Structures are given as structure tokens and as C-alpha cells.
Amino acid sequence: MPGIDTSRPFISVRIAVLTVSDSRGLAEDTSGKTLVDRLEAAGHTLADRKIVHDEIDDIQNAVTHWIEDDNIDVVISTGGTGMTGRDVTPEAFDALYEKEIPGFGELFRMLSYQKIGTSTIQSRASAGVARGTYLFALPGSTGAVKDAWDDILIHQLDYRFMPCNFVELFDRLQEHEKRSKS
């Protein structure tokens, strides 16, 4: 059965939170605040937090800065994953992924279906890896952030979660770079 292996130590992950919105400031950013509250309650570290407009360049600039920062392990964005003309977060993230994690979006939509039915088909939540940093693009609703964190990320970002988790792969995410330098 999957679960926490208490014989393994907890490892705090350094997480940057990006809110993508044309209309929210920090005071109105309930989704970003919910994410910050949950990751800190789980024992992780908020490494940075920003709000940017729904513009591919703005999103990519923030995410690229964090990918290049050795003090950030994970980037989680909220917002801009819908289907309107202004929703461009998946396009911004897709261009940065070295490896996509298709199972994340699939699992998110499956879990979301149990709560919002077929409306989940409108979500383009996604995940991937770039230069050893995990990237997760979540919808902008507070409910979606709770679902993604409570049902997926809290487990996969916990080194103690077995049979496997994202944290135990950190040291191996850039193996391709080590091979190409040899």
C-alpha cells in the first residue's frame, strides 16, 4: 500500500510559487496563498513568490530565473491553464520542459472529475522537468490548488512517501548532462 515510510527522514523541498493573472495582486491571490499555506504546513520552504500577467514572456522569464537558481527545487504556478485566449501558461511551460510528466495532468483531471464532473476537461494542468527543477502548472481556482496539493503534490514531494516519489529523483534528473560531458 502506498504511504509514508516513517523510517525515512523528511526532506524539506524549496518551492517557488507563481500566480499567473491579469487581475490579482497579493491581497486577492487566494490560490497562491492557499498553496503557500499548504506547502509550509507540510514542512517545505517557500523559496520565492511572484505574480505575473498572462503573457508567455513574463511567465517564462520568472520560471527560467527560478530554474537557474540552485536554491529552488520546484516551481508551482496557479492560473492561466484554461482555454481562453489569455490562458497561456501551458504554452509557456511546454517550451521550457526537457521532460514532460504527462501522468500529472492525467491524474489531476481524473481526481478533479470526481468533484466537478466533465468540466475538468477544460483544465490544461501540466508538469515537467527543466534543468533538474520540477515544474507544475495548476489551474487558478483555489479548489484546483487544494486538489492538486492535497491529492498529488503533498505525497510526491515527500521523500518518505513510498513506493516512490519525486524527491528521491532529484539527484538523477540531470544525468543526461553528466553523460554528455564525459
N, C-alpha and C. Protein backbone atom coordinates (compact mmCIF):
# COMPACT_ATOMS: atom_id res chain seq x y z
N MET A 1 0.84 -1.19 0.00
CA MET A 1 0.00 0.00 0.00
C MET A 1 0.88 1.25 0.00
N PRO A 2 0.49 2.26 -0.75
CA PRO A 2 1.27 3.50 -0.72
C PRO A 2 1.08 4.22 0.60
N GLY A 3 2.11 4.94 1.00
CA GLY A 3 2.01 5.70 2.24
C GLY A 3 3.37 6.18 2.72
N ILE A 4 3.38 6.76 3.90
CA ILE A 4 4.59 7.33 4.49
C ILE A 4 5.40 6.23 5.17
N ASP A 5 6.68 6.16 4.83
CA ASP A 5 7.62 5.25 5.48
C ASP A 5 8.30 6.04 6.58
N THR A 6 7.91 5.81 7.82
CA THR A 6 8.42 6.59 8.95
C THR A 6 9.91 6.34 9.24
N SER A 7 10.50 5.33 8.61
CA SER A 7 11.92 5.10 8.82
C SER A 7 12.78 6.04 7.96
N ARG A 8 12.16 6.73 7.01
CA ARG A 8 12.90 7.67 6.15
C ARG A 8 12.76 9.08 6.72
N PRO A 9 13.80 9.91 6.58
CA PRO A 9 13.71 11.28 7.11
C PRO A 9 12.87 12.18 6.20
N PHE A 10 12.25 13.18 6.78
CA PHE A 10 11.56 14.19 5.98
C PHE A 10 12.61 15.12 5.38
N ILE A 11 12.46 15.48 4.12
CA ILE A 11 13.36 16.42 3.46
C ILE A 11 12.53 17.60 2.98
N SER A 12 12.85 18.79 3.49
CA SER A 12 12.13 19.99 3.08
C SER A 12 12.54 20.37 1.66
N VAL A 13 11.55 20.60 0.82
CA VAL A 13 11.76 20.99 -0.57
C VAL A 13 11.58 22.50 -0.68
N ARG A 14 12.42 23.15 -1.50
CA ARG A 14 12.36 24.59 -1.69
C ARG A 14 11.48 24.89 -2.90
N ILE A 15 10.36 25.55 -2.67
CA ILE A 15 9.32 25.72 -3.69
C ILE A 15 9.07 27.20 -3.97
N ALA A 16 9.04 27.55 -5.26
CA ALA A 16 8.66 28.89 -5.71
C ALA A 16 7.23 28.81 -6.23
N VAL A 17 6.43 29.82 -5.89
CA VAL A 17 5.02 29.87 -6.28
C VAL A 17 4.81 31.05 -7.22
N LEU A 18 4.25 30.76 -8.37
CA LEU A 18 3.97 31.78 -9.39
C LEU A 18 2.47 31.84 -9.63
N THR A 19 1.89 33.02 -9.46
CA THR A 19 0.49 33.22 -9.82
C THR A 19 0.45 33.95 -11.15
N VAL A 20 -0.30 33.39 -12.09
CA VAL A 20 -0.46 33.99 -13.41
C VAL A 20 -1.85 34.61 -13.47
N SER A 21 -1.89 35.95 -13.53
CA SER A 21 -3.18 36.63 -13.51
C SER A 21 -3.03 38.07 -14.02
N ASP A 22 -4.02 38.51 -14.76
CA ASP A 22 -4.05 39.91 -15.20
C ASP A 22 -4.77 40.79 -14.20
N SER A 23 -5.44 40.18 -13.22
CA SER A 23 -6.30 40.97 -12.33
C SER A 23 -5.97 40.85 -10.84
N ARG A 24 -5.15 39.90 -10.43
CA ARG A 24 -4.91 39.69 -9.00
C ARG A 24 -3.61 40.33 -8.54
N GLY A 25 -3.67 40.89 -7.33
CA GLY A 25 -2.49 41.30 -6.60
C GLY A 25 -2.34 40.33 -5.45
N LEU A 26 -1.34 40.53 -4.61
CA LEU A 26 -1.12 39.62 -3.48
C LEU A 26 -2.35 39.52 -2.58
N ALA A 27 -3.03 40.64 -2.36
CA ALA A 27 -4.19 40.64 -1.46
C ALA A 27 -5.33 39.78 -1.99
N GLU A 28 -5.48 39.70 -3.31
CA GLU A 28 -6.56 38.93 -3.93
C GLU A 28 -6.14 37.52 -4.34
N ASP A 29 -4.90 37.18 -4.14
CA ASP A 29 -4.37 35.91 -4.63
C ASP A 29 -4.66 34.77 -3.65
N THR A 30 -5.91 34.35 -3.59
CA THR A 30 -6.28 33.28 -2.65
C THR A 30 -5.68 31.94 -3.06
N SER A 31 -5.55 31.68 -4.34
CA SER A 31 -4.96 30.41 -4.77
C SER A 31 -3.49 30.33 -4.40
N GLY A 32 -2.75 31.39 -4.65
CA GLY A 32 -1.34 31.41 -4.28
C GLY A 32 -1.16 31.30 -2.78
N LYS A 33 -2.00 32.01 -2.02
CA LYS A 33 -1.91 31.94 -0.56
C LYS A 33 -2.24 30.53 -0.06
N THR A 34 -3.24 29.92 -0.64
CA THR A 34 -3.60 28.55 -0.26
C THR A 34 -2.43 27.60 -0.49
N LEU A 35 -1.78 27.75 -1.63
CA LEU A 35 -0.62 26.92 -1.95
C LEU A 35 0.51 27.15 -0.97
N VAL A 36 0.81 28.41 -0.68
CA VAL A 36 1.88 28.74 0.27
C VAL A 36 1.55 28.16 1.65
N ASP A 37 0.31 28.36 2.09
CA ASP A 37 -0.08 27.83 3.41
C ASP A 37 0.09 26.32 3.48
N ARG A 38 -0.30 25.62 2.42
CA ARG A 38 -0.22 24.16 2.43
C ARG A 38 1.22 23.66 2.37
N LEU A 39 2.04 24.26 1.52
CA LEU A 39 3.42 23.77 1.42
C LEU A 39 4.19 24.04 2.70
N GLU A 40 3.94 25.19 3.34
CA GLU A 40 4.61 25.46 4.60
C GLU A 40 4.10 24.56 5.72
N ALA A 41 2.80 24.29 5.75
CA ALA A 41 2.24 23.39 6.77
C ALA A 41 2.82 21.97 6.63
N ALA A 42 3.18 21.60 5.39
CA ALA A 42 3.76 20.28 5.15
C ALA A 42 5.24 20.23 5.52
N GLY A 43 5.83 21.40 5.85
CA GLY A 43 7.24 21.43 6.25
C GLY A 43 8.19 21.87 5.16
N HIS A 44 7.66 22.28 4.01
CA HIS A 44 8.51 22.74 2.91
C HIS A 44 8.82 24.23 3.06
N THR A 45 9.74 24.72 2.24
CA THR A 45 10.19 26.10 2.30
C THR A 45 9.67 26.88 1.11
N LEU A 46 9.06 28.03 1.37
CA LEU A 46 8.69 28.93 0.28
C LEU A 46 9.96 29.67 -0.14
N ALA A 47 10.47 29.37 -1.32
CA ALA A 47 11.72 29.95 -1.79
C ALA A 47 11.50 31.32 -2.42
N ASP A 48 10.34 31.53 -3.05
CA ASP A 48 10.02 32.81 -3.68
C ASP A 48 8.56 32.77 -4.10
N ARG A 49 8.00 33.94 -4.32
CA ARG A 49 6.61 34.04 -4.78
C ARG A 49 6.47 35.28 -5.64
N LYS A 50 5.81 35.12 -6.79
CA LYS A 50 5.60 36.24 -7.71
C LYS A 50 4.22 36.14 -8.34
N ILE A 51 3.76 37.28 -8.81
CA ILE A 51 2.56 37.35 -9.64
C ILE A 51 2.97 37.99 -10.96
N VAL A 52 2.61 37.35 -12.07
CA VAL A 52 2.89 37.90 -13.40
C VAL A 52 1.62 37.89 -14.23
N HIS A 53 1.61 38.71 -15.28
CA HIS A 53 0.48 38.74 -16.20
C HIS A 53 0.46 37.52 -17.10
N ASP A 54 -0.69 37.27 -17.69
CA ASP A 54 -0.87 36.16 -18.64
C ASP A 54 -0.15 36.48 -19.95
N GLU A 55 1.15 36.48 -19.91
CA GLU A 55 2.00 36.72 -21.07
C GLU A 55 3.09 35.67 -21.08
N ILE A 56 3.27 35.01 -22.21
CA ILE A 56 4.27 33.94 -22.30
C ILE A 56 5.64 34.41 -21.83
N ASP A 57 6.08 35.59 -22.30
CA ASP A 57 7.41 36.08 -21.91
C ASP A 57 7.52 36.31 -20.41
N ASP A 58 6.49 36.89 -19.80
CA ASP A 58 6.52 37.15 -18.35
C ASP A 58 6.60 35.84 -17.57
N ILE A 59 5.80 34.88 -17.98
CA ILE A 59 5.79 33.57 -17.30
C ILE A 59 7.14 32.90 -17.45
N GLN A 60 7.65 32.84 -18.68
CA GLN A 60 8.92 32.16 -18.93
C GLN A 60 10.08 32.86 -18.24
N ASN A 61 10.07 34.17 -18.19
CA ASN A 61 11.16 34.89 -17.51
C ASN A 61 11.21 34.53 -16.03
N ALA A 62 10.05 34.52 -15.37
CA ALA A 62 10.00 34.17 -13.95
C ALA A 62 10.44 32.72 -13.73
N VAL A 63 9.90 31.81 -14.52
CA VAL A 63 10.21 30.40 -14.35
C VAL A 63 11.67 30.11 -14.68
N THR A 64 12.18 30.69 -15.75
CA THR A 64 13.59 30.49 -16.13
C THR A 64 14.53 30.99 -15.04
N HIS A 65 14.21 32.13 -14.46
CA HIS A 65 15.03 32.65 -13.34
C HIS A 65 15.08 31.62 -12.21
N TRP A 66 13.95 31.02 -11.90
CA TRP A 66 13.90 30.04 -10.81
C TRP A 66 14.59 28.73 -11.19
N ILE A 67 14.48 28.32 -12.46
CA ILE A 67 15.15 27.10 -12.92
C ILE A 67 16.67 27.25 -12.74
N GLU A 68 17.16 28.44 -12.99
CA GLU A 68 18.60 28.70 -12.90
C GLU A 68 19.09 28.90 -11.47
N ASP A 69 18.17 29.00 -10.53
CA ASP A 69 18.52 29.22 -9.12
C ASP A 69 18.69 27.88 -8.42
N ASP A 70 19.90 27.59 -7.96
CA ASP A 70 20.18 26.32 -7.29
C ASP A 70 19.44 26.18 -5.95
N ASN A 71 18.86 27.26 -5.46
CA ASN A 71 18.13 27.22 -4.20
C ASN A 71 16.63 26.97 -4.38
N ILE A 72 16.22 26.62 -5.60
CA ILE A 72 14.82 26.30 -5.87
C ILE A 72 14.75 24.92 -6.51
N ASP A 73 13.94 24.05 -5.90
CA ASP A 73 13.79 22.68 -6.37
C ASP A 73 12.54 22.49 -7.23
N VAL A 74 11.50 23.26 -6.93
CA VAL A 74 10.18 23.07 -7.53
C VAL A 74 9.56 24.44 -7.80
N VAL A 75 8.90 24.55 -8.95
CA VAL A 75 8.09 25.73 -9.27
C VAL A 75 6.66 25.26 -9.45
N ILE A 76 5.73 25.91 -8.74
CA ILE A 76 4.32 25.60 -8.90
C ILE A 76 3.62 26.89 -9.29
N SER A 77 2.94 26.85 -10.44
CA SER A 77 2.17 28.02 -10.86
C SER A 77 0.69 27.75 -10.67
N THR A 78 -0.06 28.81 -10.52
CA THR A 78 -1.50 28.73 -10.45
C THR A 78 -2.08 29.79 -11.38
N GLY A 79 -2.97 29.36 -12.26
CA GLY A 79 -3.62 30.29 -13.18
C GLY A 79 -3.13 30.17 -14.60
N GLY A 80 -3.99 30.55 -15.53
CA GLY A 80 -3.64 30.61 -16.94
C GLY A 80 -3.64 29.28 -17.65
N THR A 81 -4.30 28.25 -17.08
CA THR A 81 -4.29 26.93 -17.70
C THR A 81 -5.60 26.59 -18.42
N GLY A 82 -6.50 27.56 -18.49
CA GLY A 82 -7.78 27.32 -19.16
C GLY A 82 -7.66 27.39 -20.67
N MET A 83 -8.76 27.69 -21.32
CA MET A 83 -8.79 27.65 -22.79
C MET A 83 -9.04 29.00 -23.44
N THR A 84 -9.15 30.06 -22.65
CA THR A 84 -9.40 31.36 -23.25
C THR A 84 -8.15 31.88 -23.95
N GLY A 85 -8.30 32.92 -24.70
CA GLY A 85 -7.17 33.48 -25.43
C GLY A 85 -6.06 33.98 -24.54
N ARG A 86 -6.37 34.39 -23.32
CA ARG A 86 -5.35 34.89 -22.39
C ARG A 86 -4.66 33.78 -21.62
N ASP A 87 -5.17 32.56 -21.65
CA ASP A 87 -4.59 31.45 -20.89
C ASP A 87 -3.42 30.84 -21.66
N VAL A 88 -2.20 31.20 -21.25
CA VAL A 88 -1.01 30.77 -21.99
C VAL A 88 0.04 30.05 -21.13
N THR A 89 -0.31 29.74 -19.89
CA THR A 89 0.67 29.08 -19.02
C THR A 89 1.16 27.75 -19.58
N PRO A 90 0.28 26.87 -20.08
CA PRO A 90 0.80 25.61 -20.64
C PRO A 90 1.77 25.81 -21.80
N GLU A 91 1.49 26.77 -22.65
CA GLU A 91 2.41 27.04 -23.77
C GLU A 91 3.75 27.53 -23.25
N ALA A 92 3.72 28.41 -22.24
CA ALA A 92 4.97 28.92 -21.66
C ALA A 92 5.77 27.79 -21.02
N PHE A 93 5.10 26.92 -20.27
CA PHE A 93 5.78 25.81 -19.60
C PHE A 93 6.26 24.77 -20.61
N ASP A 94 5.42 24.43 -21.59
CA ASP A 94 5.79 23.40 -22.57
C ASP A 94 7.12 23.71 -23.24
N ALA A 95 7.34 24.98 -23.54
CA ALA A 95 8.58 25.38 -24.20
C ALA A 95 9.81 25.21 -23.30
N LEU A 96 9.59 25.14 -21.99
CA LEU A 96 10.70 25.01 -21.04
C LEU A 96 10.98 23.56 -20.64
N TYR A 97 9.98 22.70 -20.75
CA TYR A 97 10.15 21.31 -20.31
C TYR A 97 11.23 20.60 -21.12
N GLU A 98 12.13 19.92 -20.41
CA GLU A 98 13.03 18.98 -21.06
C GLU A 98 12.34 17.62 -21.11
N LYS A 99 11.60 17.34 -20.06
CA LYS A 99 10.79 16.12 -20.00
C LYS A 99 9.44 16.48 -19.43
N GLU A 100 8.40 16.08 -20.12
CA GLU A 100 7.05 16.28 -19.62
C GLU A 100 6.69 15.14 -18.68
N ILE A 101 5.83 15.42 -17.71
CA ILE A 101 5.30 14.39 -16.81
C ILE A 101 3.80 14.30 -17.12
N PRO A 102 3.43 13.59 -18.20
CA PRO A 102 2.03 13.57 -18.62
C PRO A 102 1.08 13.00 -17.57
N GLY A 103 1.56 12.09 -16.75
CA GLY A 103 0.71 11.48 -15.73
C GLY A 103 0.17 12.48 -14.73
N PHE A 104 0.88 13.60 -14.51
CA PHE A 104 0.39 14.59 -13.56
C PHE A 104 -0.94 15.18 -14.03
N GLY A 105 -0.97 15.68 -15.25
CA GLY A 105 -2.20 16.27 -15.77
C GLY A 105 -3.33 15.26 -15.85
N GLU A 106 -2.97 14.04 -16.25
CA GLU A 106 -3.98 12.98 -16.35
C GLU A 106 -4.57 12.67 -14.98
N LEU A 107 -3.70 12.52 -13.98
CA LEU A 107 -4.17 12.22 -12.63
C LEU A 107 -4.97 13.39 -12.06
N PHE A 108 -4.49 14.61 -12.29
CA PHE A 108 -5.21 15.78 -11.79
C PHE A 108 -6.63 15.81 -12.36
N ARG A 109 -6.76 15.60 -13.66
CA ARG A 109 -8.10 15.63 -14.27
C ARG A 109 -8.97 14.48 -13.78
N MET A 110 -8.37 13.32 -13.54
CA MET A 110 -9.14 12.19 -13.02
C MET A 110 -9.69 12.52 -11.62
N LEU A 111 -8.84 13.07 -10.76
CA LEU A 111 -9.28 13.43 -9.41
C LEU A 111 -10.30 14.57 -9.46
N SER A 112 -10.05 15.52 -10.32
CA SER A 112 -10.95 16.67 -10.46
C SER A 112 -12.32 16.25 -10.99
N TYR A 113 -12.34 15.25 -11.85
CA TYR A 113 -13.60 14.75 -12.40
C TYR A 113 -14.55 14.30 -11.29
N GLN A 114 -13.99 13.72 -10.23
CA GLN A 114 -14.80 13.26 -9.11
C GLN A 114 -15.49 14.42 -8.38
N LYS A 115 -14.96 15.65 -8.57
CA LYS A 115 -15.51 16.81 -7.86
C LYS A 115 -16.30 17.74 -8.77
N ILE A 116 -15.84 17.92 -10.02
CA ILE A 116 -16.52 18.88 -10.90
C ILE A 116 -17.03 18.25 -12.19
N GLY A 117 -16.96 16.94 -12.27
CA GLY A 117 -17.50 16.25 -13.44
C GLY A 117 -16.75 16.58 -14.72
N THR A 118 -17.49 16.59 -15.81
CA THR A 118 -16.86 16.77 -17.12
C THR A 118 -16.23 18.15 -17.31
N SER A 119 -16.51 19.09 -16.44
CA SER A 119 -15.88 20.42 -16.55
C SER A 119 -14.36 20.32 -16.45
N THR A 120 -13.85 19.24 -15.88
CA THR A 120 -12.40 19.08 -15.75
C THR A 120 -11.70 19.01 -17.10
N ILE A 121 -12.44 18.69 -18.15
CA ILE A 121 -11.83 18.61 -19.48
C ILE A 121 -11.27 19.95 -19.94
N GLN A 122 -11.73 21.02 -19.32
CA GLN A 122 -11.25 22.36 -19.69
C GLN A 122 -9.91 22.72 -19.04
N SER A 123 -9.42 21.88 -18.15
CA SER A 123 -8.14 22.14 -17.48
C SER A 123 -6.99 21.62 -18.33
N ARG A 124 -5.97 22.46 -18.45
CA ARG A 124 -4.75 22.04 -19.15
C ARG A 124 -3.58 21.99 -18.15
N ALA A 125 -3.88 21.54 -16.93
CA ALA A 125 -2.83 21.37 -15.92
C ALA A 125 -1.74 20.47 -16.49
N SER A 126 -0.48 20.80 -16.17
CA SER A 126 0.62 20.01 -16.72
C SER A 126 1.81 20.04 -15.76
N ALA A 127 2.80 19.21 -16.07
CA ALA A 127 4.02 19.17 -15.26
C ALA A 127 5.18 18.69 -16.13
N GLY A 128 6.37 19.02 -15.68
CA GLY A 128 7.57 18.58 -16.38
C GLY A 128 8.80 18.90 -15.57
N VAL A 129 9.94 18.64 -16.18
CA VAL A 129 11.24 18.89 -15.55
C VAL A 129 12.07 19.74 -16.50
N ALA A 130 12.78 20.72 -15.93
CA ALA A 130 13.72 21.54 -16.70
C ALA A 130 14.95 21.80 -15.84
N ARG A 131 16.11 21.39 -16.33
CA ARG A 131 17.39 21.58 -15.64
C ARG A 131 17.34 21.15 -14.18
N GLY A 132 16.71 20.03 -13.92
CA GLY A 132 16.66 19.47 -12.58
C GLY A 132 15.62 20.08 -11.67
N THR A 133 14.75 20.93 -12.20
CA THR A 133 13.69 21.58 -11.42
C THR A 133 12.34 21.05 -11.89
N TYR A 134 11.52 20.65 -10.93
CA TYR A 134 10.15 20.22 -11.27
C TYR A 134 9.29 21.45 -11.48
N LEU A 135 8.45 21.40 -12.52
CA LEU A 135 7.53 22.49 -12.84
C LEU A 135 6.11 21.94 -12.87
N PHE A 136 5.20 22.60 -12.16
CA PHE A 136 3.80 22.20 -12.14
C PHE A 136 2.94 23.41 -12.47
N ALA A 137 2.06 23.28 -13.45
CA ALA A 137 1.14 24.34 -13.84
C ALA A 137 -0.27 23.93 -13.43
N LEU A 138 -0.82 24.63 -12.44
CA LEU A 138 -2.14 24.31 -11.89
C LEU A 138 -3.16 25.36 -12.34
N PRO A 139 -4.43 24.99 -12.37
CA PRO A 139 -5.47 25.98 -12.62
C PRO A 139 -5.48 27.05 -11.52
N GLY A 140 -6.16 28.14 -11.79
CA GLY A 140 -6.16 29.28 -10.87
C GLY A 140 -7.19 29.25 -9.76
N SER A 141 -8.07 28.28 -9.76
CA SER A 141 -9.07 28.26 -8.70
C SER A 141 -8.47 27.69 -7.41
N THR A 142 -8.96 28.19 -6.29
CA THR A 142 -8.49 27.70 -5.00
C THR A 142 -8.80 26.22 -4.85
N GLY A 143 -9.96 25.79 -5.32
CA GLY A 143 -10.32 24.37 -5.24
C GLY A 143 -9.34 23.50 -6.01
N ALA A 144 -8.93 23.95 -7.20
CA ALA A 144 -7.99 23.17 -8.01
C ALA A 144 -6.63 23.09 -7.33
N VAL A 145 -6.20 24.17 -6.71
CA VAL A 145 -4.92 24.18 -5.99
C VAL A 145 -4.99 23.19 -4.82
N LYS A 146 -6.09 23.21 -4.09
CA LYS A 146 -6.25 22.27 -2.98
C LYS A 146 -6.21 20.83 -3.48
N ASP A 147 -6.94 20.56 -4.57
CA ASP A 147 -6.97 19.20 -5.12
C ASP A 147 -5.58 18.74 -5.53
N ALA A 148 -4.85 19.59 -6.26
CA ALA A 148 -3.51 19.21 -6.74
C ALA A 148 -2.56 18.99 -5.57
N TRP A 149 -2.60 19.88 -4.57
CA TRP A 149 -1.69 19.73 -3.44
C TRP A 149 -2.10 18.55 -2.56
N ASP A 150 -3.35 18.54 -2.14
CA ASP A 150 -3.80 17.54 -1.16
C ASP A 150 -3.81 16.11 -1.70
N ASP A 151 -4.06 15.96 -3.00
CA ASP A 151 -4.22 14.62 -3.56
C ASP A 151 -3.01 14.11 -4.35
N ILE A 152 -2.09 15.02 -4.71
CA ILE A 152 -0.93 14.59 -5.51
C ILE A 152 0.39 15.10 -4.92
N LEU A 153 0.53 16.42 -4.90
CA LEU A 153 1.84 17.01 -4.60
C LEU A 153 2.32 16.78 -3.17
N ILE A 154 1.44 16.80 -2.20
CA ILE A 154 1.88 16.56 -0.82
C ILE A 154 2.56 15.20 -0.70
N HIS A 155 2.11 14.24 -1.48
CA HIS A 155 2.70 12.90 -1.45
C HIS A 155 3.98 12.83 -2.29
N GLN A 156 3.92 13.31 -3.52
CA GLN A 156 5.07 13.19 -4.41
C GLN A 156 6.23 14.09 -4.03
N LEU A 157 5.97 15.13 -3.23
CA LEU A 157 7.06 16.00 -2.76
C LEU A 157 7.50 15.64 -1.34
N ASP A 158 7.14 14.45 -0.90
CA ASP A 158 7.55 13.95 0.42
C ASP A 158 8.45 12.74 0.23
N TYR A 159 9.71 12.88 0.60
CA TYR A 159 10.70 11.82 0.43
C TYR A 159 10.29 10.53 1.12
N ARG A 160 9.46 10.63 2.13
CA ARG A 160 9.04 9.45 2.89
C ARG A 160 7.93 8.66 2.19
N PHE A 161 7.30 9.26 1.18
CA PHE A 161 6.18 8.59 0.52
C PHE A 161 6.69 7.45 -0.35
N MET A 162 6.12 6.29 -0.14
CA MET A 162 6.53 5.10 -0.87
C MET A 162 5.32 4.50 -1.58
N PRO A 163 5.50 3.88 -2.73
CA PRO A 163 6.72 3.22 -3.17
C PRO A 163 7.72 4.12 -3.88
N CYS A 164 7.33 5.30 -4.31
CA CYS A 164 8.29 6.20 -4.94
C CYS A 164 7.75 7.62 -4.87
N ASN A 165 8.65 8.59 -5.11
CA ASN A 165 8.28 10.00 -5.04
C ASN A 165 9.23 10.81 -5.88
N PHE A 166 8.88 12.07 -6.15
CA PHE A 166 9.73 12.94 -6.96
C PHE A 166 11.02 13.33 -6.26
N VAL A 167 10.99 13.45 -4.95
CA VAL A 167 12.16 13.93 -4.20
C VAL A 167 13.34 12.98 -4.34
N GLU A 168 13.09 11.69 -4.31
CA GLU A 168 14.20 10.74 -4.40
C GLU A 168 14.87 10.75 -5.78
N LEU A 169 14.27 11.42 -6.74
CA LEU A 169 14.85 11.50 -8.09
C LEU A 169 15.67 12.77 -8.32
N PHE A 170 15.66 13.72 -7.39
CA PHE A 170 16.36 14.98 -7.60
C PHE A 170 17.78 14.79 -8.12
N ASP A 171 18.56 13.92 -7.47
CA ASP A 171 19.97 13.75 -7.85
C ASP A 171 20.14 13.13 -9.23
N ARG A 172 19.09 12.55 -9.78
CA ARG A 172 19.20 11.86 -11.06
C ARG A 172 18.56 12.62 -12.22
N LEU A 173 17.95 13.76 -11.96
CA LEU A 173 17.22 14.47 -13.01
C LEU A 173 18.12 15.02 -14.11
N GLN A 174 19.38 15.24 -13.81
CA GLN A 174 20.29 15.80 -14.80
C GLN A 174 21.37 14.82 -15.24
N GLU A 175 21.08 13.54 -15.16
CA GLU A 175 22.05 12.52 -15.57
C GLU A 175 22.47 12.68 -17.02
N HIS A 176 21.55 13.12 -17.87
CA HIS A 176 21.89 13.29 -19.29
C HIS A 176 22.99 14.31 -19.49
N GLU A 177 23.04 15.34 -18.65
CA GLU A 177 24.10 16.34 -18.75
C GLU A 177 25.44 15.76 -18.34
N LYS A 178 25.46 14.91 -17.32
CA LYS A 178 26.70 14.29 -16.87
C LYS A 178 27.25 13.38 -17.95
N ARG A 179 26.37 12.63 -18.62
CA ARG A 179 26.82 11.72 -19.69
C ARG A 179 27.38 12.50 -20.87
N SER A 180 26.75 13.61 -21.24
CA SER A 180 27.20 14.35 -22.42
C SER A 180 28.52 15.06 -22.18
N LYS A 181 28.90 15.31 -20.91
CA LYS A 181 30.18 15.96 -20.59
C LYS A 181 31.33 14.96 -20.55
N SER A 182 31.03 13.66 -20.47
CA SER A 182 32.08 12.65 -20.36
C SER A 182 32.74 12.38 -21.69
